[in-house]
Amino acid sequence: MSDSPTNLTGRTAVVFGVANKRSIAWAIAKALHGAGAQLAITYQNERLGQESKDLIATLPGAESFQCDLSNDAEVDALFATLKERYGKLDVVVHSVAYAPAEALTNDFVFTSREAFRVALDVSAYTLVAVARGAAPLMTDGGSIMTMSYYGAEKVVPRYNVMAVAKAALECCVRYLASDLGKQKIRVNAISAGPIKTLAARGISGLSDMLKGHSERAPLGRNVETVEVANTALFLASDLSSGITGETIYVDCGYNVMGF
């Protein structure tokens, strides 16, 4: 392990967004743990906490913390706790997104003001809140990453307001990269192909998305969660030391196809 360029021994990572064993965040947490990182993993609330805690317990040394990222007081309290517990942070994984169900089934033109606000707040602004809380603890620099999707660029039927939120998220990545680069903090997004996660199942037409991707992607298949996790491990490691402000596609090449 010590000779591996992805060795994260001695580094601390906090992962936001673990909901269950199918979560991209969970796959990333396992990859970081396997590379030797000390892990703090958050869950949103008590309702979602038990399954998350059961998973986290399978990773020796990992600790769980409750934090609703839409609540500024909880965000502040979390980072105060993380500072007391770990002293500093090296890696932050933001894998959080949400839009009301009705906004993902109707035509986009019918998106309500409230659904728009919630989607942008939870799916994009929370990255800003996380980066603001984490940056003072990243005293040796480090890596912040978030999860996006190709719908940020092109129309994906029924992805609707979540597409707008992901476009905002990718823009936040660029501005945060500019702000935090002087502290040697890198900020990037991973744009994964469609995966059957708990969040994705809320999107009407997910099966059509999966079928379309596998048929059109140059690799002729859909991406696996572990492949997204491996890219996250790369971004967490020194191998990505010169990369910031980028959106890295892990979608079996789907995004390069024009027809």
Protein backbone atom coordinates (compact mmCIF):
# COMPACT_ATOMS: atom_id res chain seq x y z
CA MET A 1 0.00 0.00 0.00
CA SER A 2 2.76 2.45 0.93
CA ASP A 3 4.22 2.28 -2.60
CA SER A 4 0.88 2.96 -4.28
CA PRO A 5 0.39 6.43 -5.81
CA THR A 6 -3.18 6.31 -4.48
CA ASN A 7 -2.09 5.60 -0.91
CA LEU A 8 -4.13 7.86 1.39
CA THR A 9 -2.73 6.67 4.71
CA GLY A 10 -2.55 9.56 7.15
CA ARG A 11 -5.23 11.57 5.34
CA THR A 12 -8.75 12.29 6.50
CA ALA A 13 -11.77 12.30 4.20
CA VAL A 14 -15.35 13.33 4.85
CA VAL A 15 -18.05 11.84 2.63
CA PHE A 16 -21.51 13.42 2.28
CA GLY A 17 -24.39 11.54 0.71
CA VAL A 18 -24.31 7.91 1.84
CA ALA A 19 -27.91 6.69 1.82
CA ASN A 20 -27.58 2.95 1.23
CA LYS A 21 -25.29 0.32 -0.24
CA ARG A 22 -26.14 1.39 -3.81
CA SER A 23 -25.06 5.01 -3.25
CA ILE A 24 -22.19 6.32 -5.33
CA ALA A 25 -21.02 7.94 -2.10
CA TRP A 26 -20.82 4.52 -0.46
CA ALA A 27 -18.72 3.10 -3.28
CA ILE A 28 -16.40 6.10 -2.96
CA ALA A 29 -16.20 5.70 0.80
CA LYS A 30 -15.14 2.07 0.38
CA ALA A 31 -12.49 3.02 -2.17
CA LEU A 32 -11.04 5.75 0.06
CA HIS A 33 -11.07 3.42 3.06
CA GLY A 34 -9.32 0.74 1.05
CA ALA A 35 -6.61 3.26 0.19
CA GLY A 36 -5.99 3.93 3.87
CA ALA A 37 -7.92 7.15 4.46
CA GLN A 38 -9.46 7.93 7.83
CA LEU A 39 -13.16 8.39 7.13
CA ALA A 40 -15.94 10.60 8.46
CA ILE A 41 -19.26 9.78 6.81
CA THR A 42 -22.41 11.86 7.23
CA TYR A 43 -26.08 11.00 7.02
CA GLN A 44 -28.91 13.50 6.65
CA ASN A 45 -31.22 12.62 9.54
CA GLU A 46 -32.24 9.89 11.95
CA ARG A 47 -34.68 8.36 9.47
CA LEU A 48 -31.84 7.67 7.04
CA GLY A 49 -29.26 7.22 9.74
CA GLN A 50 -29.73 3.61 10.75
CA GLU A 51 -28.96 2.04 7.37
CA SER A 52 -26.02 4.41 6.94
CA LYS A 53 -24.68 3.57 10.40
CA ASP A 54 -24.95 -0.16 9.68
CA LEU A 55 -22.90 0.31 6.50
CA ILE A 56 -20.33 2.56 8.13
CA ALA A 57 -19.81 -0.01 10.87
CA THR A 58 -18.41 -2.37 8.23
CA LEU A 59 -15.49 -0.01 7.60
CA PRO A 60 -13.09 -0.28 10.57
CA GLY A 61 -12.23 3.14 11.99
CA ALA A 62 -14.86 5.05 10.02
CA GLU A 63 -17.12 7.34 12.03
CA SER A 64 -20.62 8.61 11.35
CA PHE A 65 -22.03 12.09 11.87
CA GLN A 66 -25.50 13.54 11.30
CA CYS A 67 -25.73 16.64 9.13
CA ASP A 68 -28.54 18.08 7.05
CA LEU A 69 -26.67 20.21 4.51
CA SER A 70 -29.71 22.41 3.94
CA ASN A 71 -29.37 23.64 7.54
CA ASP A 72 -26.54 26.15 8.07
CA ALA A 73 -26.46 25.58 11.82
CA GLU A 74 -25.96 21.85 11.33
CA VAL A 75 -23.21 22.46 8.76
CA ASP A 76 -21.38 24.80 11.14
CA ALA A 77 -21.75 22.36 14.01
CA LEU A 78 -20.46 19.47 11.90
CA PHE A 79 -17.28 21.22 10.84
CA ALA A 80 -16.64 22.36 14.41
CA THR A 81 -16.94 18.70 15.44
CA LEU A 82 -14.69 17.53 12.61
CA LYS A 83 -12.06 20.09 13.59
CA GLU A 84 -12.14 18.90 17.18
CA ARG A 85 -12.08 15.24 16.19
CA TYR A 86 -9.55 15.21 13.32
CA GLY A 87 -7.77 18.57 13.35
CA LYS A 88 -7.59 18.81 9.58
CA LEU A 89 -9.23 17.46 6.44
CA ASP A 90 -7.65 16.36 3.16
CA VAL A 91 -10.54 15.08 1.04
CA VAL A 92 -14.21 16.09 0.79
CA VAL A 93 -16.77 14.14 -1.24
CA HIS A 94 -20.10 15.86 -1.96
CA SER A 95 -22.63 13.40 -3.36
CA VAL A 96 -25.88 15.16 -2.53
CA ALA A 97 -28.80 15.98 -4.83
CA TYR A 98 -32.56 16.28 -4.55
CA ALA A 99 -35.56 17.68 -6.37
CA PRO A 100 -39.25 17.17 -5.51
CA ALA A 101 -40.67 14.15 -7.34
CA GLU A 102 -43.30 16.11 -9.23
CA ALA A 103 -40.60 18.25 -10.81
CA LEU A 104 -39.08 15.12 -12.39
CA THR A 105 -42.29 13.79 -13.95
CA ASN A 106 -44.03 16.80 -15.51
CA ASP A 107 -42.70 18.85 -18.41
CA PHE A 108 -39.95 21.24 -17.31
CA VAL A 109 -42.11 24.28 -18.11
CA PHE A 110 -44.36 23.34 -15.17
CA THR A 111 -41.55 23.44 -12.61
CA SER A 112 -42.80 25.32 -9.57
CA ARG A 113 -40.84 28.13 -7.96
CA GLU A 114 -40.48 26.08 -4.78
CA ALA A 115 -39.26 22.95 -6.58
CA PHE A 116 -36.70 25.07 -8.42
CA ARG A 117 -35.50 26.64 -5.17
CA VAL A 118 -35.19 23.30 -3.38
CA ALA A 119 -33.35 21.62 -6.25
CA LEU A 120 -30.80 24.42 -6.55
CA ASP A 121 -30.33 24.70 -2.79
CA VAL A 122 -29.83 21.01 -2.05
CA SER A 123 -28.06 19.99 -5.25
CA ALA A 124 -25.79 22.99 -5.87
CA TYR A 125 -25.60 25.45 -2.99
CA THR A 126 -24.71 22.72 -0.50
CA LEU A 127 -21.37 22.29 -2.29
CA VAL A 128 -20.61 25.94 -1.56
CA ALA A 129 -21.58 25.47 2.09
CA VAL A 130 -19.42 22.35 2.37
CA ALA A 131 -16.42 24.01 0.71
CA ARG A 132 -16.71 27.05 2.98
CA GLY A 133 -16.78 24.83 6.05
CA ALA A 134 -14.01 22.51 4.92
CA ALA A 135 -11.49 25.00 3.51
CA PRO A 136 -10.21 26.27 6.88
CA LEU A 137 -9.54 22.65 7.91
CA MET A 138 -7.68 21.79 4.68
CA THR A 139 -4.47 23.33 5.97
CA ASP A 140 -2.26 21.21 3.72
CA GLY A 141 -4.44 21.69 0.66
CA GLY A 142 -6.51 18.82 -0.62
CA SER A 143 -9.32 17.73 -2.90
CA ILE A 144 -13.04 18.53 -2.96
CA MET A 145 -15.21 16.65 -5.41
CA THR A 146 -18.88 16.48 -6.33
CA MET A 147 -21.12 14.37 -8.57
CA SER A 148 -22.70 15.71 -11.76
CA TYR A 149 -24.44 14.29 -14.84
CA TYR A 150 -24.51 14.96 -18.60
CA GLY A 151 -27.99 16.47 -18.25
CA ALA A 152 -26.19 19.62 -17.12
CA GLU A 153 -25.22 20.14 -20.77
CA LYS A 154 -27.85 18.51 -22.95
CA VAL A 155 -31.56 17.88 -22.64
CA VAL A 156 -32.35 14.55 -20.99
CA PRO A 157 -36.12 13.98 -20.96
CA ARG A 158 -37.61 14.26 -17.46
CA TYR A 159 -34.29 15.20 -15.85
CA ASN A 160 -35.80 18.69 -15.82
CA VAL A 161 -34.88 20.96 -12.91
CA MET A 162 -32.18 18.56 -11.76
CA ALA A 163 -30.36 19.34 -15.01
CA VAL A 164 -30.49 23.03 -14.15
CA ALA A 165 -29.17 22.25 -10.69
CA LYS A 166 -26.30 20.17 -12.09
CA ALA A 167 -25.40 22.99 -14.51
CA ALA A 168 -25.25 25.34 -11.52
CA LEU A 169 -23.21 22.77 -9.61
CA GLU A 170 -20.60 22.56 -12.37
CA CYS A 171 -20.38 26.36 -12.44
CA CYS A 172 -19.92 26.36 -8.66
CA VAL A 173 -17.03 23.92 -9.13
CA ARG A 174 -15.24 26.38 -11.41
CA TYR A 175 -15.72 29.37 -9.10
CA LEU A 176 -14.72 27.39 -6.01
CA ALA A 177 -11.63 26.11 -7.83
CA SER A 178 -10.67 29.70 -8.56
CA ASP A 179 -11.29 30.85 -4.99
CA LEU A 180 -9.57 27.95 -3.23
CA GLY A 181 -6.65 27.28 -5.58
CA LYS A 182 -4.41 29.64 -3.62
CA GLN A 183 -4.89 27.33 -0.64
CA LYS A 184 -3.83 24.37 -2.78
CA ILE A 185 -7.37 23.00 -2.65
CA ARG A 186 -8.58 21.36 -5.86
CA VAL A 187 -12.29 21.28 -6.72
CA ASN A 188 -13.65 18.98 -9.42
CA ALA A 189 -16.83 17.23 -10.55
CA ILE A 190 -17.32 13.66 -11.72
CA SER A 191 -20.03 13.36 -14.37
CA ALA A 192 -21.13 9.74 -14.15
CA GLY A 193 -23.40 7.93 -16.54
CA PRO A 194 -26.81 6.84 -15.22
CA ILE A 195 -26.65 4.34 -12.35
CA LYS A 196 -29.52 2.73 -10.44
CA THR A 197 -29.10 4.60 -7.17
CA LEU A 198 -31.85 5.56 -4.74
CA ALA A 199 -31.80 9.13 -6.07
CA ALA A 200 -31.83 8.08 -9.73
CA ARG A 201 -34.89 5.90 -9.25
CA GLY A 202 -36.88 9.07 -8.67
CA ILE A 203 -36.33 10.09 -12.28
CA SER A 204 -39.11 9.10 -14.66
CA GLY A 205 -37.70 7.11 -17.57
CA LEU A 206 -34.52 5.88 -15.86
CA SER A 207 -34.74 2.55 -17.67
CA ASP A 208 -34.82 4.38 -21.02
CA MET A 209 -31.78 6.42 -19.97
CA LEU A 210 -29.86 3.27 -19.08
CA LYS A 211 -30.84 1.57 -22.33
CA GLY A 212 -29.96 4.61 -24.44
CA HIS A 213 -26.57 5.03 -22.79
CA SER A 214 -25.57 1.41 -23.19
CA GLU A 215 -26.57 1.42 -26.87
CA ARG A 216 -24.78 4.66 -27.79
CA ALA A 217 -21.73 4.72 -25.53
CA PRO A 218 -18.47 3.77 -27.32
CA LEU A 219 -17.82 1.06 -24.72
CA GLY A 220 -21.26 -0.40 -25.39
CA ARG A 221 -22.37 -0.58 -21.77
CA ASN A 222 -23.33 1.46 -18.73
CA VAL A 223 -20.77 2.58 -16.18
CA GLU A 224 -20.30 0.65 -12.94
CA THR A 225 -20.37 2.34 -9.54
CA VAL A 226 -16.87 1.06 -8.79
CA GLU A 227 -15.56 2.91 -11.85
CA VAL A 228 -16.89 6.18 -10.47
CA ALA A 229 -15.30 5.33 -7.11
CA ASN A 230 -11.95 4.66 -8.77
CA THR A 231 -12.06 8.09 -10.41
CA ALA A 232 -12.85 9.64 -7.05
CA LEU A 233 -9.83 7.86 -5.59
CA PHE A 234 -7.70 9.34 -8.38
CA LEU A 235 -9.04 12.82 -7.60
CA ALA A 236 -8.38 12.31 -3.89
CA SER A 237 -4.79 11.27 -4.53
CA ASP A 238 -1.68 13.19 -5.55
CA LEU A 239 -2.05 11.74 -9.05
CA SER A 240 -4.55 14.53 -9.76
CA SER A 241 -2.41 17.31 -8.29
CA GLY A 242 -2.63 19.44 -11.44
CA ILE A 243 -6.37 19.08 -12.04
CA THR A 244 -8.94 21.57 -10.72
CA GLY A 245 -12.15 23.20 -11.90
CA GLU A 246 -12.87 20.27 -14.21
CA THR A 247 -15.82 18.02 -14.93
CA ILE A 248 -14.48 14.52 -15.56
CA TYR A 249 -16.78 12.18 -17.47
CA VAL A 250 -17.06 8.58 -16.30
CA ASP A 251 -19.81 7.43 -18.65
CA CYS A 252 -18.22 4.88 -20.99
CA GLY A 253 -17.74 7.68 -23.51
CA TYR A 254 -21.42 8.52 -23.99
CA ASN A 255 -20.81 12.28 -23.83
CA VAL A 256 -18.53 12.32 -26.91
CA MET A 257 -21.20 10.97 -29.25
CA GLY A 258 -23.18 13.39 -31.41
CA PHE A 259 -25.45 10.81 -33.03
